[in-house]
Protein backbone atom coordinates (compact mmCIF):
# COMPACT_ATOMS: atom_id res chain seq x y z
CA UNK A 1 -8.81 -7.11 24.12
CA UNK A 2 -8.04 -9.80 21.13
CA UNK A 3 -4.62 -7.90 20.19
CA UNK A 4 -2.69 -10.09 22.87
CA UNK A 5 -2.21 -13.67 20.44
CA UNK A 6 -0.21 -11.20 17.49
CA UNK A 7 1.03 -8.77 19.29
CA UNK A 8 2.25 -11.19 21.37
CA UNK A 9 4.99 -13.00 18.98
CA UNK A 10 5.32 -9.42 18.32
CA UNK A 11 7.08 -8.99 20.83
CA UNK A 12 9.35 -11.76 21.83
CA UNK A 13 11.07 -10.74 18.40
CA UNK A 14 10.76 -6.31 19.07
CA UNK A 15 14.75 -6.47 19.73
CA UNK A 16 15.97 -8.39 16.36
CA UNK A 17 13.25 -6.89 14.45
CA UNK A 18 14.52 -3.20 15.65
CA UNK A 19 17.90 -4.26 14.80
CA UNK A 20 17.05 -5.39 11.20
CA UNK A 21 14.46 -2.59 10.57
CA UNK A 22 17.31 -0.17 10.91
CA UNK A 23 19.63 -1.77 8.84
CA UNK A 24 17.07 -1.66 6.03
CA UNK A 25 16.24 2.30 6.78
CA UNK A 26 20.36 3.13 6.82
CA UNK A 27 20.79 0.61 3.40
CA UNK A 28 17.99 2.10 1.50
CA UNK A 29 18.48 5.79 2.59
CA UNK A 30 14.91 6.97 3.97
CA UNK A 31 14.93 9.85 6.47
CA UNK A 32 12.93 9.68 9.90
CA UNK A 33 9.57 9.91 8.61
CA UNK A 34 10.02 6.29 7.01
CA UNK A 35 8.53 7.19 3.97
CA UNK A 36 8.08 3.84 1.87
CA UNK A 37 7.97 5.92 -1.78
CA UNK A 38 11.97 5.74 -1.23
CA UNK A 39 12.17 2.41 -0.10
CA UNK A 40 13.18 -0.70 -3.53
CA UNK A 41 11.34 -3.73 -1.61
CA UNK A 42 11.95 -6.12 -3.98
CA UNK A 43 16.11 -5.67 -2.83
CA UNK A 44 15.63 -7.71 0.44
CA UNK A 45 13.61 -10.41 1.62
CA UNK A 46 10.32 -11.49 2.67
CA UNK A 47 11.94 -11.99 6.22
CA UNK A 48 12.96 -8.25 5.90
CA UNK A 49 10.32 -6.31 5.15
CA UNK A 50 8.07 -9.16 7.39
CA UNK A 51 10.58 -7.70 10.35
CA UNK A 52 10.35 -4.29 8.75
CA UNK A 53 6.51 -4.01 9.57
CA UNK A 54 6.91 -5.83 13.58
CA UNK A 55 8.82 -3.10 14.06
CA UNK A 56 7.02 -0.40 12.59
CA UNK A 57 4.04 -1.92 14.91
CA UNK A 58 6.05 -2.25 17.83
CA UNK A 59 6.63 1.76 17.28
CA UNK A 60 3.31 2.40 17.07
CA UNK A 61 2.95 3.06 13.24
CA UNK A 62 0.48 0.63 11.91
CA UNK A 63 -0.56 2.70 8.73
CA UNK A 64 3.29 1.87 7.72
CA UNK A 65 3.25 -1.30 9.05
CA UNK A 66 0.35 -2.36 6.50
CA UNK A 67 2.33 -1.14 3.62
CA UNK A 68 5.80 -3.47 5.26
CA UNK A 69 3.02 -6.69 5.24
CA UNK A 70 1.51 -5.74 1.43
CA UNK A 71 4.52 -5.69 0.28
CA UNK A 72 5.13 -9.00 1.89
CA UNK A 73 2.11 -10.52 0.13
CA UNK A 74 2.79 -8.57 -3.31
CA UNK A 75 6.37 -9.99 -3.78
CA UNK A 76 6.29 -13.47 -2.08
CA UNK A 77 2.83 -14.47 -2.77
CA UNK A 78 4.08 -18.40 -2.21
CA UNK A 79 6.71 -17.35 0.82
CA UNK A 80 5.91 -19.36 4.37
CA UNK A 81 5.52 -15.72 5.65
CA UNK A 82 3.20 -14.63 2.94
CA UNK A 83 0.03 -16.12 5.08
CA UNK A 84 0.88 -13.99 8.59
CA UNK A 85 1.75 -11.18 6.26
CA UNK A 86 -2.04 -11.18 5.11
CA UNK A 87 -3.59 -11.95 8.87
CA UNK A 88 -1.28 -9.35 10.12
CA UNK A 89 -2.31 -6.43 7.19
CA UNK A 90 -6.24 -6.98 8.63
CA UNK A 91 -4.92 -6.63 12.46
CA UNK A 92 -2.38 -2.95 11.36
CA UNK A 93 -5.01 -2.20 9.03
CA UNK A 94 -7.90 -2.44 12.41
CA UNK A 95 -5.45 -0.65 14.54
CA UNK A 96 -5.39 2.50 11.85
CA UNK A 97 -8.86 2.57 12.10
CA UNK A 98 -8.96 1.78 8.24
CA UNK A 99 -11.51 -0.47 8.41
CA UNK A 100 -12.39 -1.37 4.86
CA UNK A 101 -8.97 -2.54 4.09
CA UNK A 102 -9.22 -4.37 7.46
CA UNK A 103 -11.49 -6.56 6.43
CA UNK A 104 -10.17 -7.16 2.71
CA UNK A 105 -7.24 -8.41 4.11
CA UNK A 106 -9.03 -10.61 6.81
CA UNK A 107 -11.66 -12.01 4.17
CA UNK A 108 -8.43 -13.10 1.64
CA UNK A 109 -7.06 -14.81 4.47
CA UNK A 110 -10.52 -16.51 5.49
CA UNK A 111 -10.99 -17.07 1.83
CA UNK A 112 -7.53 -18.61 1.13
CA UNK A 113 -7.27 -20.36 4.76
CA UNK A 114 -10.09 -21.43 5.90
CA UNK A 115 -9.24 -24.03 8.08
CA UNK A 116 -6.39 -21.88 9.40
CA UNK A 117 -5.33 -21.66 13.00
CA UNK A 118 -5.57 -17.57 12.87
CA UNK A 119 -9.01 -18.02 11.07
CA UNK A 120 -11.18 -17.56 13.89
CA UNK A 121 -8.83 -14.27 14.53
CA UNK A 122 -9.20 -13.08 10.86
CA UNK A 123 -13.12 -13.84 11.47
CA UNK A 124 -13.16 -11.75 14.46
CA UNK A 125 -11.47 -8.87 13.09
CA UNK A 126 -14.01 -9.11 10.03
CA UNK A 127 -16.67 -8.34 12.77
CA UNK A 128 -14.66 -5.80 14.87
CA UNK A 129 -14.20 -4.16 11.30
CA UNK A 130 -18.36 -3.64 11.71
CA UNK A 131 -18.47 -3.15 15.53
CA UNK A 132 -15.73 -0.88 15.96
CA UNK A 133 -18.04 1.62 13.30
CA UNK A 134 -21.26 1.53 15.62
CA UNK A 135 -21.08 4.81 17.97
CA UNK A 136 -23.97 6.86 18.29
CA UNK A 137 -27.76 5.60 18.31
CA UNK A 138 -29.10 8.15 15.66
CA UNK A 139 -26.56 6.39 12.52
CA UNK A 140 -28.22 4.23 10.28
CA UNK A 141 -27.96 1.00 11.51
CA UNK A 142 -26.49 -0.54 7.71
CA UNK A 143 -23.12 -1.80 10.39
CA UNK A 144 -24.80 -2.94 13.31
CA UNK A 145 -26.10 -5.01 11.12
CA UNK A 146 -23.58 -6.26 8.79
CA UNK A 147 -20.90 -6.41 12.80
CA UNK A 148 -24.42 -9.43 14.02
CA UNK A 149 -24.36 -11.11 11.05
CA UNK A 150 -20.02 -11.12 10.97
CA UNK A 151 -20.11 -11.74 14.57
CA UNK A 152 -22.96 -14.73 14.73
CA UNK A 153 -20.21 -16.11 11.94
CA UNK A 154 -17.48 -16.20 14.77
CA UNK A 155 -20.19 -17.95 17.44
CA UNK A 156 -21.00 -20.29 14.68
CA UNK A 157 -18.23 -21.46 12.89
CA UNK A 158 -15.64 -20.89 15.90
CA UNK A 159 -17.64 -21.58 19.24
CA UNK A 160 -14.04 -23.27 21.03
CA UNK A 161 -11.85 -20.32 19.69
CA UNK A 162 -10.72 -17.45 22.24
CA UNK A 163 -13.28 -15.49 20.24
CA UNK A 164 -15.92 -16.74 20.29
CA UNK A 165 -17.13 -15.79 24.07
CA UNK A 166 -16.27 -12.13 23.33
CA UNK A 167 -18.15 -12.30 19.74
CA UNK A 168 -20.97 -13.37 22.07
CA UNK A 169 -20.91 -10.30 24.47
CA UNK A 170 -20.33 -7.65 21.17
CA UNK A 171 -23.42 -10.17 19.80
CA UNK A 172 -25.48 -8.82 22.74
CA UNK A 173 -24.41 -4.81 22.54
CA UNK A 174 -24.58 -4.25 18.99
CA UNK A 175 -28.07 -6.14 19.22
CA UNK A 176 -28.98 -3.86 22.08
CA UNK A 177 -27.82 -1.32 19.29
CA UNK A 178 -30.87 -2.13 16.95
CA UNK A 179 -33.33 -2.15 19.86
CA UNK A 180 -32.36 1.61 21.03
CA UNK A 181 -32.66 2.87 17.69
CA UNK A 182 -36.07 1.24 17.48
CA UNK A 183 -37.26 3.01 20.62
CA UNK A 184 -35.57 6.67 20.12
CA UNK A 185 -37.94 6.07 16.62
CA UNK A 186 -40.42 5.17 18.65
CA UNK A 187 -40.51 7.71 21.57
CA UNK A 188 -40.07 10.58 18.06
CA UNK A 189 -43.31 9.83 16.86
CA UNK A 190 -45.08 9.24 20.11
CA UNK A 191 -44.19 13.03 21.67
CA UNK A 192 -45.54 13.93 18.23
CA UNK A 193 -48.38 11.90 18.77
CA UNK A 194 -48.44 9.85 15.82
CA UNK A 195 -49.43 7.16 17.95
CA UNK A 196 -50.07 3.90 15.16
CA UNK A 197 -46.05 4.32 13.75
CA UNK A 198 -44.92 4.63 17.70
CA UNK A 199 -46.52 1.50 18.41
CA UNK A 200 -45.20 0.07 15.65
CA UNK A 201 -41.88 0.29 16.63
CA UNK A 202 -42.26 -0.46 20.33
CA UNK A 203 -44.12 -3.60 18.99
CA UNK A 204 -40.74 -4.68 16.88
CA UNK A 205 -38.73 -4.32 20.71
CA UNK A 206 -41.09 -6.83 22.00
CA UNK A 207 -41.79 -9.00 19.54
CA UNK A 208 -38.32 -9.13 18.20
CA UNK A 209 -35.53 -7.74 21.18
CA UNK A 210 -37.09 -9.25 24.21
CA UNK A 211 -33.81 -9.87 25.48
CA UNK A 212 -32.50 -6.64 25.06
CA UNK A 213 -32.54 -4.06 27.94
CA UNK A 214 -35.59 -1.88 26.23
CA UNK A 215 -38.19 -4.66 26.45
CA UNK A 216 -40.37 -2.83 30.28
CA UNK A 217 -39.72 0.79 28.53
CA UNK A 218 -41.22 -0.64 24.88
CA UNK A 219 -43.90 -2.28 27.00
CA UNK A 220 -44.83 1.06 28.84
CA UNK A 221 -44.65 2.97 26.22
CA UNK A 222 -47.62 0.46 24.53
CA UNK A 223 -49.46 1.47 27.76
CA UNK A 224 -49.16 5.38 27.03
CA UNK A 225 -50.15 4.84 23.07
CA UNK A 226 -53.05 2.33 23.60
CA UNK A 227 -54.37 4.78 26.21
CA UNK A 228 -53.83 7.29 24.06
CA UNK A 229 -55.39 6.03 21.21
CA UNK A 230 -58.70 4.56 23.47
CA UNK A 231 -57.28 0.74 23.16
CA UNK A 232 -57.98 -0.43 26.63
CA UNK A 233 -57.71 -3.74 26.14
CA UNK A 234 -54.47 -3.03 24.18
CA UNK A 235 -52.73 -1.16 26.79
CA UNK A 236 -54.34 -3.30 29.90
CA UNK A 237 -52.74 -7.04 28.40
CA UNK A 238 -48.98 -4.39 27.87
CA UNK A 239 -49.47 -3.37 31.53
CA UNK A 240 -49.82 -6.95 32.55
CA UNK A 241 -47.22 -7.75 30.37
CA UNK A 242 -44.69 -5.48 32.34
CA UNK A 243 -46.58 -7.28 35.76
CA UNK A 244 -45.49 -10.33 35.38
CA UNK A 245 -41.81 -9.50 33.82
CA UNK A 246 -40.63 -6.42 35.37
CA UNK A 247 -42.71 -4.75 38.39
CA UNK A 248 -39.41 -3.72 39.97
CA UNK A 249 -38.74 -0.97 37.35
CA UNK A 250 -39.78 2.29 36.55
CA UNK A 251 -41.91 1.68 33.91
CA UNK A 252 -43.99 -1.03 35.86
CA UNK A 253 -44.83 1.94 38.28
CA UNK A 254 -45.89 4.73 35.56
CA UNK A 255 -47.85 2.20 33.63
CA UNK A 256 -49.88 1.35 36.95
CA UNK A 257 -51.34 5.00 38.23
CA UNK A 258 -51.47 5.43 34.14
CA UNK A 259 -53.82 2.47 34.25
CA UNK A 260 -55.35 2.45 37.42
CA UNK A 261 -55.71 6.61 37.62
CA UNK A 262 -58.31 5.37 34.74
CA UNK A 263 -59.75 2.48 36.23
CA UNK A 264 -58.11 0.16 34.14
CA UNK A 265 -56.56 -2.65 35.54
CA UNK A 266 -53.90 -4.55 35.08
CA UNK A 267 -54.71 -7.91 33.29
CA UNK A 268 -54.48 -9.67 29.68
CA UNK A 269 -57.70 -8.43 27.69
CA UNK A 270 -59.19 -9.40 24.02
CA UNK A 271 -57.81 -11.25 21.45
CA UNK A 272 -54.73 -9.03 19.75
CA UNK A 273 -50.90 -9.36 19.43
CA UNK A 274 -50.43 -8.11 23.28
CA UNK A 275 -52.34 -10.90 24.14
CA UNK A 276 -50.68 -13.69 21.91
CA UNK A 277 -46.91 -12.15 23.48
CA UNK A 278 -48.96 -12.39 27.26
CA UNK A 279 -49.92 -15.94 26.63
CA UNK A 280 -46.64 -17.01 25.29
CA UNK A 281 -44.80 -14.66 28.24
CA UNK A 282 -46.34 -15.50 30.90
CA UNK A 283 -48.35 -18.76 30.17
CA UNK A 284 -45.90 -20.31 27.91
CA UNK A 285 -48.31 -21.55 25.53
CA UNK A 286 -46.80 -21.20 21.92
CA UNK A 287 -49.35 -22.44 19.81
């Protein structure tokens, strides 16, 4: 999605890079597999090696491209191309799904060039290195937390950058992912009649993840759990919040049926944590 800025620089010089790269290949005598172990990079300028990396990217070979950009950084640390070689390493490693190496390169760029125009992109790549590893809900959520922290930094430190909007969208998705994990665990406990453990999970969603798509279901599951425990005040209050905020959902309909079948109204009752949530969400009373 955000590859255009970096890749655009490559595309404008692909033809020249191709000629130089082919010359580098011929001079070094490497085979069609472009095995880098056969190349003595010290015999070539930073410009030639960098353009070799650009050529490899154009040929959809980010692994080899990253090697070339790394050689520019290693052999020519004070070259004008070194700064660009570091960010291109991060980009190439990310394309190759070598996320740890991508993070390392991106962090070096941020450490050495914090005020450069590409620092925002480096931070965005660092965040992506975590975000792109978030997959099924059932996995450990450590990567999700790290993605959120890194995305937040893009948003807060580089709010005017072209990456801020994408970072906000991905932050919301990652946040929703965490809520989904809490719901999965809560449902697991609920199916096994571990009602207190289930309530603790659904409470996290209601209190900490109110802006996600899982809040309505979490409230309904609280109704189910509290009814099962005979705690009718809590069940009715959860139903009341559903009635005010999520009346058009199936979760409200299910809670309404569950409560009214027992002669219970969907209204805030008692003095419990849900009553406080009700006052905050419905009445706007925060003290």
